[in-house]
C-alpha atoms as a PDB file:
ATOM      1  CA  MET A   1       0.000   0.000   0.000  1.00  0.00           C
ATOM      2  CA  PRO A   2       1.557   3.342  -1.021  1.00  0.00           C
ATOM      3  CA  GLU A   3       2.466   5.781   1.737  1.00  0.00           C
ATOM      4  CA  LEU A   4       0.202   8.843   1.732  1.00  0.00           C
ATOM      5  CA  SER A   5       1.132  12.358   2.788  1.00  0.00           C
ATOM      6  CA  ASN A   6      -1.062  14.172   5.309  1.00  0.00           C
ATOM      7  CA  ASP A   7      -2.563  16.235   2.459  1.00  0.00           C
ATOM      8  CA  GLU A   8      -3.390  13.096   0.462  1.00  0.00           C
ATOM      9  CA  ARG A   9      -4.931  11.373   3.494  1.00  0.00           C
ATOM     10  CA  SER A  10      -7.026  14.459   4.275  1.00  0.00           C
ATOM     11  CA  LEU A  11      -8.188  14.770   0.677  1.00  0.00           C
ATOM     12  CA  LEU A  12      -9.074  11.080   0.525  1.00  0.00           C
ATOM     13  CA  ARG A  13     -11.128  11.439   3.723  1.00  0.00           C
ATOM     14  CA  TYR A  14     -12.826  14.537   2.267  1.00  0.00           C
ATOM     15  CA  TYR A  15     -13.715  12.673  -0.922  1.00  0.00           C
ATOM     16  CA  GLY A  16     -14.930   9.696   1.103  1.00  0.00           C
ATOM     17  CA  GLU A  17     -17.388  11.689   3.241  1.00  0.00           C
ATOM     18  CA  ALA A  18     -19.857  12.245   0.386  1.00  0.00           C
ATOM     19  CA  GLU A  19     -19.945  12.356  -3.393  1.00  0.00           C
ATOM     20  CA  ARG A  20     -17.903  15.328  -4.550  1.00  0.00           C
ATOM     21  CA  VAL A  21     -18.148  17.190  -7.825  1.00  0.00           C
ATOM     22  CA  ILE A  22     -15.138  19.314  -8.686  1.00  0.00           C
ATOM     23  CA  SER A  23     -14.109  21.437 -11.614  1.00  0.00           C
ATOM     24  CA  GLY A  24     -11.528  19.785 -13.834  1.00  0.00           C
ATOM     25  CA  LEU A  25      -9.257  22.714 -12.984  1.00  0.00           C
ATOM     26  CA  GLN A  26      -9.167  21.758  -9.272  1.00  0.00           C
ATOM     27  CA  ARG A  27      -6.887  18.767  -9.744  1.00  0.00           C
ATOM     28  CA  THR A  28      -4.117  19.306  -7.210  1.00  0.00           C
ATOM     29  CA  PHE A  29      -0.953  17.217  -6.893  1.00  0.00           C
ATOM     30  CA  PRO A  30      -2.473  15.173  -4.021  1.00  0.00           C
ATOM     31  CA  HIS A  31      -5.571  14.581  -6.187  1.00  0.00           C
ATOM     32  CA  GLN A  32      -3.447  13.475  -9.146  1.00  0.00           C
ATOM     33  CA  HIS A  33      -1.456  11.085  -6.944  1.00  0.00           C
ATOM     34  CA  LEU A  34      -4.613   9.510  -5.456  1.00  0.00           C
ATOM     35  CA  LEU A  35      -5.932   9.074  -8.997  1.00  0.00           C
ATOM     36  CA  SER A  36      -2.674   7.547 -10.278  1.00  0.00           C
ATOM     37  CA  ILE A  37      -2.534   4.934  -7.487  1.00  0.00           C
ATOM     38  CA  GLY A  38      -6.188   4.008  -7.959  1.00  0.00           C
ATOM     39  CA  TYR A  39      -7.620   5.335  -4.678  1.00  0.00           C
ATOM     40  CA  ILE A  40     -10.093   7.586  -6.497  1.00  0.00           C
ATOM     41  CA  LYS A  41     -11.674   7.679  -9.923  1.00  0.00           C
ATOM     42  CA  GLU A  42     -13.191  10.506 -11.911  1.00  0.00           C
ATOM     43  CA  GLN A  43     -16.476  10.384 -13.782  1.00  0.00           C
ATOM     44  CA  PRO A  44     -17.452  13.280 -16.065  1.00  0.00           C
ATOM     45  CA  VAL A  45     -20.629  15.099 -15.038  1.00  0.00           C
ATOM     46  CA  ASN A  46     -20.503  17.646 -17.847  1.00  0.00           C
ATOM     47  CA  LEU A  47     -17.800  19.351 -19.929  1.00  0.00           C
ATOM     48  CA  GLN A  48     -16.206  21.054 -16.909  1.00  0.00           C
ATOM     49  CA  ASP A  49     -17.081  19.047 -13.815  1.00  0.00           C
ATOM     50  CA  LEU A  50     -16.010  15.645 -12.490  1.00  0.00           C
ATOM     51  CA  LEU A  51     -17.618  13.365  -9.940  1.00  0.00           C
ATOM     52  CA  ILE A  52     -14.938  11.977  -7.616  1.00  0.00           C
ATOM     53  CA  VAL A  53     -15.506   8.458  -6.289  1.00  0.00           C
ATOM     54  CA  VAL A  54     -13.317   6.713  -3.706  1.00  0.00           C
ATOM     55  CA  THR A  55     -12.483   3.201  -4.869  1.00  0.00           C
ATOM     56  CA  ASP A  56     -12.413   0.064  -2.710  1.00  0.00           C
ATOM     57  CA  ALA A  57      -8.615   0.413  -2.532  1.00  0.00           C
ATOM     58  CA  GLY A  58      -9.055   3.998  -1.311  1.00  0.00           C
ATOM     59  CA  ARG A  59     -11.507   2.899   1.369  1.00  0.00           C
ATOM     60  CA  GLU A  60      -9.077   0.209   2.503  1.00  0.00           C
ATOM     61  CA  ALA A  61      -6.297   2.815   2.721  1.00  0.00           C
ATOM     62  CA  LEU A  62      -8.546   5.007   4.878  1.00  0.00           C
ATOM     63  CA  ARG A  63      -9.272   2.112   7.233  1.00  0.00           C
ATOM     64  CA  ALA A  64      -5.566   1.303   7.534  1.00  0.00           C
ATOM     65  CA  SER A  65      -4.487   4.901   8.045  1.00  0.00           C
ATOM     66  CA  PRO A  66      -4.102   6.448  11.520  1.00  0.00           C
END
């Protein structure tokens, strides 16, 4: 399981609280890293917005994290 920074852990918790829709321009480095390791996935809502979903692997990482 990849080691997460505090920012990545916080963002993953934030995404896991409820469905989140973000603008495609709001992709921060922590967001990009979570996406690249498969802890979140993006689903287009419209041309500008993305629905962020925490994957099973992301939920497992949250359970394992302090």
